Structures are given as structure tokens and as C-alpha cells.
């Protein structure tokens, strides 16, 4: 008789453990899992200048560290964009949007939340029509934990 009464309890226990395991598995492990990054680029103009827009869509509850993060202890965690191409790039200018100031027990620093656009302008070598290679370094955190930092690599073809 005891075995009959334990069977439903074991089933319920198994369902609870399985549900908790599925919930943990769904949590992002790396910063790249908490943000969607896309980029578009114009065709280079007559002078070889090309404009790029990098769009970050940060998952709700998560934030990225802005650039500049405005806290010396967090500089290594700030969002950074690097660009390269088949030929040499010159006059590389990256414009990061201002972040939102946050104050907590760690200190005061700037973050990105929601949708953010980073703009870049580069000058291409004459005749270089290769795709741009972007590397976007991100570090995502929520109120209780931070994910492993990630570098997201994207190839961008001009429109």
C-alpha cells in the first residue's frame, strides 16, 4: 500500500524538478544570449566613406554597460565596437549613444537598456568592396547576476 501512495508524490516531485531544470536551461549563460545585434552599412561614397548603424536589442530585465561606462572599475565591461575590412580602414569614428545613469551598491555607472543604436563612419581604401567585419564586445547583467562577456561577430554587406 505504501508504494501506491508514494507513486503520485514521486510523479509530482519529478515534474517539479523537470520544470526547474527547464527554467534554468532557458536562462542565458553568455552576454550574447541577452542581446540581438544587427548592422547595416551604406555603400561607400566617392571618397570611400561608409556609414554603419549597429542596432542592439537588449532583452528585458538585462542591461549592457554603456560606452563610456563612467566608472573606472567597469571600463573593461563597457560595450565596444571594432571594425575591419579586406583593405585598410582609416578615419574610423564610432559614436556611442549616451547611457542611462544607474546608482547601486557597486557605485554610479551608465548602462544601455532596450533598443540602442551605435553609429560608425569609416573610410575605405580605393576599390575595397569587401564586407565589413564587426566585433561587438558586450557584458550583460540583471539585478542579481552578470553573464559571461561575449564578442559578437557580424559580416556587413553594403546596401
N, C-alpha and C. Protein backbone atom coordinates (compact mmCIF):
# COMPACT_ATOMS: atom_id res chain seq x y z
N UNK A 1 0.80 -1.20 0.00
CA UNK A 1 0.00 0.00 0.00
C UNK A 1 0.84 1.26 0.00
N UNK A 2 1.93 1.28 0.70
CA UNK A 2 2.78 2.46 0.75
C UNK A 2 3.30 2.82 -0.64
N UNK A 3 3.58 1.84 -1.44
CA UNK A 3 4.09 2.11 -2.79
C UNK A 3 3.06 2.83 -3.65
N UNK A 4 1.80 2.52 -3.46
CA UNK A 4 0.74 3.17 -4.23
C UNK A 4 0.65 4.65 -3.86
N UNK A 5 0.80 4.98 -2.59
CA UNK A 5 0.71 6.37 -2.14
C UNK A 5 1.95 7.16 -2.53
N UNK A 6 3.09 6.52 -2.63
CA UNK A 6 4.33 7.21 -3.00
C UNK A 6 4.39 7.53 -4.49
N UNK A 7 3.73 6.77 -5.31
CA UNK A 7 3.81 6.98 -6.75
C UNK A 7 3.36 8.39 -7.17
N UNK A 8 2.20 8.90 -6.70
CA UNK A 8 1.81 10.26 -7.08
C UNK A 8 2.80 11.31 -6.57
N UNK A 9 3.33 11.11 -5.37
CA UNK A 9 4.30 12.06 -4.82
C UNK A 9 5.57 12.07 -5.66
N UNK A 10 6.03 10.90 -6.07
CA UNK A 10 7.22 10.82 -6.92
C UNK A 10 6.98 11.49 -8.27
N UNK A 11 5.78 11.32 -8.81
CA UNK A 11 5.44 11.95 -10.08
C UNK A 11 5.46 13.47 -9.95
N UNK A 12 4.84 13.99 -8.90
CA UNK A 12 4.82 15.45 -8.67
C UNK A 12 6.24 15.96 -8.48
N UNK A 13 7.05 15.26 -7.68
CA UNK A 13 8.44 15.66 -7.46
C UNK A 13 9.21 15.70 -8.78
N UNK A 14 9.02 14.68 -9.60
CA UNK A 14 9.69 14.63 -10.90
C UNK A 14 9.28 15.77 -11.80
N UNK A 15 8.00 16.13 -11.79
CA UNK A 15 7.53 17.26 -12.60
C UNK A 15 8.13 18.56 -12.12
N UNK A 16 8.21 18.76 -10.80
CA UNK A 16 8.78 20.00 -10.26
C UNK A 16 10.25 20.09 -10.61
N UNK A 17 11.02 19.03 -10.41
CA UNK A 17 12.45 19.03 -10.75
C UNK A 17 12.63 19.28 -12.24
N UNK A 18 11.84 18.63 -13.06
CA UNK A 18 11.94 18.82 -14.51
C UNK A 18 11.63 20.25 -14.91
N UNK A 19 10.61 20.85 -14.31
CA UNK A 19 10.25 22.24 -14.61
C UNK A 19 11.37 23.18 -14.21
N UNK A 20 11.96 22.98 -13.01
CA UNK A 20 13.04 23.85 -12.56
C UNK A 20 14.26 23.69 -13.46
N UNK A 21 14.56 22.49 -13.88
CA UNK A 21 15.69 22.26 -14.77
C UNK A 21 15.47 22.96 -16.10
N UNK A 22 14.26 22.89 -16.64
CA UNK A 22 13.95 23.57 -17.91
C UNK A 22 14.06 25.07 -17.75
N UNK A 23 13.62 25.62 -16.61
CA UNK A 23 13.70 27.06 -16.38
C UNK A 23 15.15 27.50 -16.30
N UNK A 24 16.01 26.72 -15.63
CA UNK A 24 17.42 27.07 -15.52
C UNK A 24 18.08 26.98 -16.90
N UNK A 25 17.74 25.97 -17.68
CA UNK A 25 18.35 25.80 -19.01
C UNK A 25 17.99 26.95 -19.93
N UNK A 26 16.84 27.59 -19.72
CA UNK A 26 16.40 28.68 -20.59
C UNK A 26 17.13 29.99 -20.27
N UNK A 27 17.71 30.10 -19.08
CA UNK A 27 18.43 31.33 -18.73
C UNK A 27 19.67 31.46 -19.61
N UNK A 28 19.95 32.69 -20.08
CA UNK A 28 21.16 32.88 -20.88
C UNK A 28 22.42 32.63 -20.04
N UNK A 29 23.44 32.12 -20.67
CA UNK A 29 24.70 31.85 -20.00
C UNK A 29 25.76 32.88 -20.36
N UNK A 30 25.66 33.39 -21.59
CA UNK A 30 26.63 34.38 -22.07
C UNK A 30 25.90 35.66 -22.43
N UNK A 31 26.63 36.76 -22.41
CA UNK A 31 26.04 38.07 -22.71
C UNK A 31 25.41 38.11 -24.09
N UNK A 32 25.98 37.40 -25.06
CA UNK A 32 25.42 37.40 -26.42
C UNK A 32 24.00 36.84 -26.46
N UNK A 33 23.62 36.04 -25.45
CA UNK A 33 22.29 35.46 -25.40
C UNK A 33 21.24 36.45 -24.89
N UNK A 34 21.67 37.58 -24.35
CA UNK A 34 20.75 38.57 -23.79
C UNK A 34 20.57 39.78 -24.71
N UNK A 35 21.20 39.74 -25.89
CA UNK A 35 21.11 40.87 -26.82
C UNK A 35 21.12 40.37 -28.26
N UNK A 36 20.30 41.00 -29.10
CA UNK A 36 20.32 40.71 -30.53
C UNK A 36 21.04 41.89 -31.20
N UNK A 37 22.05 41.58 -32.00
CA UNK A 37 22.85 42.63 -32.64
C UNK A 37 22.74 42.48 -34.15
N UNK A 38 22.35 43.56 -34.82
CA UNK A 38 22.29 43.60 -36.27
C UNK A 38 23.02 44.86 -36.73
N UNK A 39 23.40 44.87 -38.00
CA UNK A 39 24.09 46.04 -38.53
C UNK A 39 23.75 46.23 -40.00
N UNK A 40 23.73 47.49 -40.42
CA UNK A 40 23.54 47.84 -41.82
C UNK A 40 24.61 48.85 -42.20
N UNK A 41 24.98 48.83 -43.48
CA UNK A 41 26.01 49.74 -43.97
C UNK A 41 25.59 50.31 -45.32
N UNK A 42 25.85 51.60 -45.50
CA UNK A 42 25.65 52.23 -46.80
C UNK A 42 26.78 51.82 -47.73
N UNK A 43 26.59 52.06 -49.02
CA UNK A 43 27.70 51.87 -49.95
C UNK A 43 28.70 52.99 -49.73
N UNK A 44 29.99 52.71 -49.89
CA UNK A 44 30.97 53.79 -49.76
C UNK A 44 30.71 54.89 -50.79
N UNK A 45 30.89 56.14 -50.38
CA UNK A 45 30.70 57.25 -51.32
C UNK A 45 31.95 57.43 -52.18
N UNK A 46 32.00 58.48 -52.98
CA UNK A 46 33.12 58.72 -53.90
C UNK A 46 34.45 58.83 -53.17
N UNK A 47 34.43 59.30 -51.93
CA UNK A 47 35.66 59.43 -51.15
C UNK A 47 36.01 58.15 -50.38
N UNK A 48 35.14 57.14 -50.47
CA UNK A 48 35.36 55.88 -49.76
C UNK A 48 34.76 55.87 -48.37
N UNK A 49 34.03 56.93 -48.00
CA UNK A 49 33.42 56.99 -46.67
C UNK A 49 32.17 56.11 -46.64
N UNK A 50 32.08 55.31 -45.62
CA UNK A 50 30.96 54.39 -45.45
C UNK A 50 30.38 54.56 -44.04
N UNK A 51 29.05 54.64 -43.96
CA UNK A 51 28.36 54.76 -42.68
C UNK A 51 27.74 53.43 -42.28
N UNK A 52 27.81 53.14 -40.99
CA UNK A 52 27.32 51.88 -40.46
C UNK A 52 26.44 52.17 -39.24
N UNK A 53 25.34 51.43 -39.12
CA UNK A 53 24.49 51.52 -37.94
C UNK A 53 24.44 50.13 -37.31
N UNK A 54 24.81 50.07 -36.03
CA UNK A 54 24.79 48.82 -35.29
C UNK A 54 23.63 48.92 -34.30
N UNK A 55 22.65 48.04 -34.44
CA UNK A 55 21.46 48.06 -33.59
C UNK A 55 21.57 46.97 -32.53
N UNK A 56 21.38 47.36 -31.28
CA UNK A 56 21.38 46.42 -30.16
C UNK A 56 19.96 46.35 -29.61
N UNK A 57 19.44 45.15 -29.51
CA UNK A 57 18.12 44.93 -28.91
C UNK A 57 18.35 44.08 -27.66
N UNK A 58 18.33 44.74 -26.51
CA UNK A 58 18.66 44.09 -25.25
C UNK A 58 17.39 43.51 -24.65
N UNK A 59 17.45 42.24 -24.27
CA UNK A 59 16.30 41.54 -23.68
C UNK A 59 15.84 42.26 -22.42
N UNK A 60 14.52 42.26 -22.17
CA UNK A 60 14.01 42.85 -20.93
C UNK A 60 14.68 42.20 -19.72
N UNK A 61 14.86 42.94 -18.69
CA UNK A 61 15.50 42.61 -17.41
C UNK A 61 17.02 42.70 -17.48
N UNK A 62 17.61 42.67 -18.66
CA UNK A 62 19.06 42.74 -18.80
C UNK A 62 19.49 44.16 -19.17
N UNK A 63 20.75 44.48 -18.87
CA UNK A 63 21.35 45.73 -19.34
C UNK A 63 22.78 45.45 -19.77
N UNK A 64 23.30 46.31 -20.64
CA UNK A 64 24.70 46.28 -21.04
C UNK A 64 25.37 47.51 -20.46
N UNK A 65 26.67 47.46 -20.30
CA UNK A 65 27.40 48.63 -19.81
C UNK A 65 27.68 49.57 -20.97
N UNK A 66 27.32 50.84 -20.78
CA UNK A 66 27.45 51.86 -21.83
C UNK A 66 28.92 52.16 -22.12
N UNK A 67 29.14 52.87 -23.20
CA UNK A 67 30.46 53.36 -23.57
C UNK A 67 30.34 54.86 -23.82
N UNK A 68 30.90 55.68 -22.93
CA UNK A 68 31.68 55.29 -21.75
C UNK A 68 30.77 54.88 -20.61
N UNK A 69 31.29 53.99 -19.78
CA UNK A 69 30.53 53.48 -18.64
C UNK A 69 30.56 54.48 -17.48
N UNK A 70 31.52 55.39 -17.50
CA UNK A 70 31.69 56.45 -16.50
C UNK A 70 31.95 55.90 -15.10
N UNK A 71 32.70 54.81 -15.03
CA UNK A 71 33.14 54.24 -13.77
C UNK A 71 34.43 53.48 -14.07
N UNK A 72 35.55 53.96 -13.54
CA UNK A 72 36.85 53.38 -13.85
C UNK A 72 36.94 51.88 -13.55
N UNK A 73 36.21 51.41 -12.55
CA UNK A 73 36.25 49.99 -12.19
C UNK A 73 35.52 49.10 -13.19
N UNK A 74 34.72 49.70 -14.08
CA UNK A 74 33.90 48.92 -15.01
C UNK A 74 34.29 49.12 -16.47
N UNK A 75 35.39 49.81 -16.72
CA UNK A 75 35.80 50.11 -18.09
C UNK A 75 35.94 48.86 -18.95
N UNK A 76 36.44 47.77 -18.37
CA UNK A 76 36.64 46.55 -19.17
C UNK A 76 35.32 45.90 -19.56
N UNK A 77 34.20 46.28 -18.93
CA UNK A 77 32.90 45.69 -19.23
C UNK A 77 32.07 46.53 -20.20
N UNK A 78 32.55 47.73 -20.55
CA UNK A 78 31.73 48.59 -21.42
C UNK A 78 31.63 48.03 -22.83
N UNK A 79 30.55 48.38 -23.51
CA UNK A 79 30.29 47.94 -24.88
C UNK A 79 31.33 48.57 -25.81
N UNK A 80 31.94 47.73 -26.66
CA UNK A 80 32.97 48.22 -27.59
C UNK A 80 32.73 47.62 -28.97
N UNK A 81 32.78 48.48 -30.00
CA UNK A 81 32.65 48.04 -31.39
C UNK A 81 34.00 48.18 -32.08
N UNK A 82 34.41 47.14 -32.79
CA UNK A 82 35.63 47.17 -33.60
C UNK A 82 35.25 46.81 -35.02
N UNK A 83 35.84 47.51 -35.99
CA UNK A 83 35.54 47.28 -37.41
C UNK A 83 36.81 46.95 -38.17
N UNK A 84 36.67 46.07 -39.16
CA UNK A 84 37.78 45.76 -40.07
C UNK A 84 37.19 45.39 -41.42
N UNK A 85 38.04 45.35 -42.42
CA UNK A 85 37.61 45.00 -43.78
C UNK A 85 38.79 44.35 -44.50
N UNK A 86 38.55 43.95 -45.75
CA UNK A 86 39.62 43.35 -46.55
C UNK A 86 40.80 44.30 -46.72
N UNK A 87 40.50 45.58 -46.96
CA UNK A 87 41.52 46.61 -47.07
C UNK A 87 41.62 47.40 -45.78
N UNK A 88 42.59 48.27 -45.74
CA UNK A 88 42.80 49.08 -44.54
C UNK A 88 41.69 50.12 -44.39
N UNK A 89 41.21 50.29 -43.18
CA UNK A 89 40.23 51.33 -42.87
C UNK A 89 40.95 52.52 -42.25
N UNK A 90 40.52 53.72 -42.59
CA UNK A 90 41.06 54.92 -41.96
C UNK A 90 39.91 55.81 -41.51
N UNK A 91 40.22 56.82 -40.74
CA UNK A 91 39.21 57.74 -40.22
C UNK A 91 38.03 56.99 -39.59
N UNK A 92 38.31 56.00 -38.79
CA UNK A 92 37.25 55.23 -38.12
C UNK A 92 36.71 56.06 -36.96
N UNK A 93 35.41 56.34 -37.02
CA UNK A 93 34.76 57.11 -35.96
C UNK A 93 33.55 56.31 -35.48
N UNK A 94 33.53 56.00 -34.21
CA UNK A 94 32.40 55.27 -33.63
C UNK A 94 31.71 56.20 -32.62
N UNK A 95 30.41 56.36 -32.79
CA UNK A 95 29.63 57.23 -31.92
C UNK A 95 28.68 56.38 -31.09
N UNK A 96 29.00 56.31 -29.81
CA UNK A 96 28.16 55.55 -28.88
C UNK A 96 27.09 56.49 -28.31
N UNK A 97 25.87 56.01 -28.16
CA UNK A 97 24.83 56.85 -27.56
C UNK A 97 25.09 57.01 -26.06
N UNK A 98 24.54 58.07 -25.48
CA UNK A 98 24.69 58.20 -24.03
C UNK A 98 23.94 57.08 -23.33
N UNK A 99 24.46 56.65 -22.21
CA UNK A 99 23.79 55.62 -21.42
C UNK A 99 22.87 56.24 -20.38
N UNK A 100 22.17 55.38 -19.69
CA UNK A 100 21.29 55.79 -18.60
C UNK A 100 22.06 55.57 -17.30
N UNK A 101 22.10 56.61 -16.46
CA UNK A 101 22.86 56.50 -15.22
C UNK A 101 22.17 55.57 -14.22
N UNK A 102 22.98 54.73 -13.59
CA UNK A 102 22.47 53.81 -12.57
C UNK A 102 23.34 53.98 -11.32
N UNK A 103 22.68 53.98 -10.18
CA UNK A 103 23.38 54.03 -8.89
C UNK A 103 22.93 52.84 -8.07
N UNK A 104 23.90 52.09 -7.54
CA UNK A 104 23.59 50.98 -6.66
C UNK A 104 24.75 50.76 -5.71
N UNK A 105 24.79 49.62 -5.04
CA UNK A 105 25.84 49.37 -4.05
C UNK A 105 27.23 49.29 -4.69
N UNK A 106 27.29 49.02 -5.99
CA UNK A 106 28.57 48.96 -6.70
C UNK A 106 29.12 50.36 -6.94
N UNK A 107 28.24 51.32 -7.16
CA UNK A 107 28.64 52.69 -7.45
C UNK A 107 27.71 53.31 -8.47
N UNK A 108 28.22 54.32 -9.17
CA UNK A 108 27.46 55.00 -10.21
C UNK A 108 28.10 54.67 -11.55
N UNK A 109 27.27 54.31 -12.53
CA UNK A 109 27.76 53.94 -13.85
C UNK A 109 26.63 54.08 -14.86
N UNK A 110 26.97 54.02 -16.15
CA UNK A 110 25.98 54.17 -17.22
C UNK A 110 25.72 52.83 -17.90
N UNK A 111 24.44 52.60 -18.26
CA UNK A 111 24.05 51.35 -18.89
C UNK A 111 23.20 51.61 -20.14
N UNK A 112 23.06 50.58 -20.95
CA UNK A 112 22.12 50.57 -22.08
C UNK A 112 21.03 49.56 -21.75
N UNK A 113 19.79 49.93 -22.07
CA UNK A 113 18.64 49.04 -21.93
C UNK A 113 17.78 49.16 -23.17
N UNK A 114 16.99 48.13 -23.46
CA UNK A 114 16.06 48.20 -24.58
C UNK A 114 16.76 48.24 -25.92
N UNK A 115 16.40 49.21 -26.76
CA UNK A 115 16.99 49.34 -28.10
C UNK A 115 17.98 50.49 -28.11
N UNK A 116 19.15 50.22 -28.68
CA UNK A 116 20.24 51.19 -28.74
C UNK A 116 20.86 51.15 -30.12
N UNK A 117 21.24 52.29 -30.67
CA UNK A 117 21.95 52.34 -31.96
C UNK A 117 23.32 52.98 -31.78
N UNK A 118 24.32 52.28 -32.28
CA UNK A 118 25.69 52.79 -32.31
C UNK A 118 25.99 53.11 -33.77
N UNK A 119 26.56 54.29 -34.02
CA UNK A 119 26.84 54.69 -35.40
C UNK A 119 28.34 54.75 -35.62
N UNK A 120 28.73 54.36 -36.82
CA UNK A 120 30.15 54.38 -37.17
C UNK A 120 30.32 54.93 -38.57
N UNK A 121 31.48 55.51 -38.79
CA UNK A 121 31.85 56.01 -40.11
C UNK A 121 33.30 55.59 -40.35
N UNK A 122 33.56 55.06 -41.54
CA UNK A 122 34.92 54.63 -41.89
C UNK A 122 35.25 55.10 -43.30
N UNK A 123 36.53 55.20 -43.58
CA UNK A 123 36.97 55.49 -44.94
C UNK A 123 37.66 54.24 -45.45
N UNK A 124 37.18 53.74 -46.61
CA UNK A 124 37.70 52.51 -47.21
C UNK A 124 38.80 52.84 -48.19
N UNK A 125 39.72 51.89 -48.39
CA UNK A 125 40.72 52.03 -49.44
C UNK A 125 40.02 52.02 -50.79
N UNK A 126 40.59 52.71 -51.75
CA UNK A 126 40.00 52.76 -53.09
C UNK A 126 39.87 51.33 -53.64
N UNK A 127 38.67 51.00 -54.13
CA UNK A 127 38.42 49.69 -54.72
C UNK A 127 38.09 48.59 -53.72
N UNK A 128 38.13 48.89 -52.42
CA UNK A 128 37.81 47.86 -51.42
C UNK A 128 36.29 47.76 -51.29
N UNK A 129 35.72 46.70 -51.83
CA UNK A 129 34.28 46.44 -51.74
C UNK A 129 33.97 45.25 -50.84
N UNK A 130 34.95 44.85 -50.04
CA UNK A 130 34.76 43.68 -49.17
C UNK A 130 33.74 44.01 -48.08
N UNK A 131 33.12 42.98 -47.52
CA UNK A 131 32.20 43.24 -46.41
C UNK A 131 32.97 43.79 -45.21
N UNK A 132 32.28 44.53 -44.38
CA UNK A 132 32.86 44.99 -43.12
C UNK A 132 32.71 43.87 -42.10
N UNK A 133 33.72 43.69 -41.30
CA UNK A 133 33.66 42.73 -40.20
C UNK A 133 33.54 43.54 -38.92
N UNK A 134 32.47 43.27 -38.17
CA UNK A 134 32.25 43.93 -36.90
C UNK A 134 32.46 42.95 -35.76
N UNK A 135 33.05 43.43 -34.70
CA UNK A 135 33.17 42.66 -33.46
C UNK A 135 32.61 43.56 -32.36
N UNK A 136 31.54 43.11 -31.72
CA UNK A 136 30.89 43.90 -30.69
C UNK A 136 31.06 43.19 -29.35
N UNK A 137 31.80 43.82 -28.44
CA UNK A 137 32.04 43.25 -27.11
C UNK A 137 30.95 43.74 -26.17
N UNK A 138 30.28 42.81 -25.51
CA UNK A 138 29.20 43.15 -24.59
C UNK A 138 29.32 42.37 -23.28
N UNK A 139 28.83 43.00 -22.22
CA UNK A 139 28.72 42.35 -20.91
C UNK A 139 27.32 42.67 -20.39
N UNK A 140 26.52 41.63 -20.19
CA UNK A 140 25.13 41.81 -19.75
C UNK A 140 24.96 41.39 -18.30
N UNK A 141 24.13 42.18 -17.58
CA UNK A 141 23.81 41.88 -16.19
C UNK A 141 22.33 42.17 -15.96
N UNK A 142 21.79 41.53 -14.92
CA UNK A 142 20.46 41.90 -14.44
C UNK A 142 20.65 42.38 -13.00
N UNK A 143 19.60 42.38 -12.21
CA UNK A 143 19.68 42.90 -10.84
C UNK A 143 20.48 41.99 -9.90
N UNK A 144 20.65 40.72 -10.27
CA UNK A 144 21.30 39.78 -9.34
C UNK A 144 22.57 39.13 -9.87
N UNK A 145 22.76 39.12 -11.19
CA UNK A 145 23.94 38.41 -11.72
C UNK A 145 24.39 39.01 -13.04
N UNK A 146 25.62 38.67 -13.40
CA UNK A 146 26.17 39.05 -14.70
C UNK A 146 26.47 37.78 -15.48
N UNK A 147 26.31 37.88 -16.78
CA UNK A 147 26.62 36.76 -17.68
C UNK A 147 28.07 36.85 -18.12
N UNK A 148 28.60 35.77 -18.66
CA UNK A 148 29.95 35.80 -19.20
C UNK A 148 30.01 36.82 -20.34
N UNK A 149 31.09 37.61 -20.41
CA UNK A 149 31.21 38.58 -21.52
C UNK A 149 31.26 37.84 -22.86
N UNK A 150 30.83 38.53 -23.91
CA UNK A 150 30.82 37.94 -25.25
C UNK A 150 31.32 38.94 -26.27
N UNK A 151 31.87 38.41 -27.36
CA UNK A 151 32.16 39.20 -28.54
C UNK A 151 31.33 38.63 -29.68
N UNK A 152 30.43 39.45 -30.20
CA UNK A 152 29.55 39.04 -31.29
C UNK A 152 30.16 39.52 -32.60
N UNK A 153 30.38 38.59 -33.53
CA UNK A 153 30.98 38.94 -34.82
C UNK A 153 29.91 38.93 -35.91
N UNK A 154 29.94 39.99 -36.74
CA UNK A 154 28.94 40.15 -37.80
C UNK A 154 29.66 40.60 -39.08
N UNK A 155 29.26 40.02 -40.21
CA UNK A 155 29.71 40.50 -41.52
C UNK A 155 28.62 41.39 -42.08
N UNK A 156 29.01 42.57 -42.56
CA UNK A 156 28.03 43.53 -43.06
C UNK A 156 28.32 43.84 -44.53
N UNK A 157 27.35 43.53 -45.38
CA UNK A 157 27.43 43.89 -46.79
C UNK A 157 26.77 45.25 -46.96
N UNK A 158 27.32 46.12 -47.81
CA UNK A 158 26.66 47.41 -48.05
C UNK A 158 25.29 47.20 -48.71
N UNK A 159 24.38 48.15 -48.45
CA UNK A 159 23.04 48.09 -49.04
C UNK A 159 23.12 48.16 -50.55
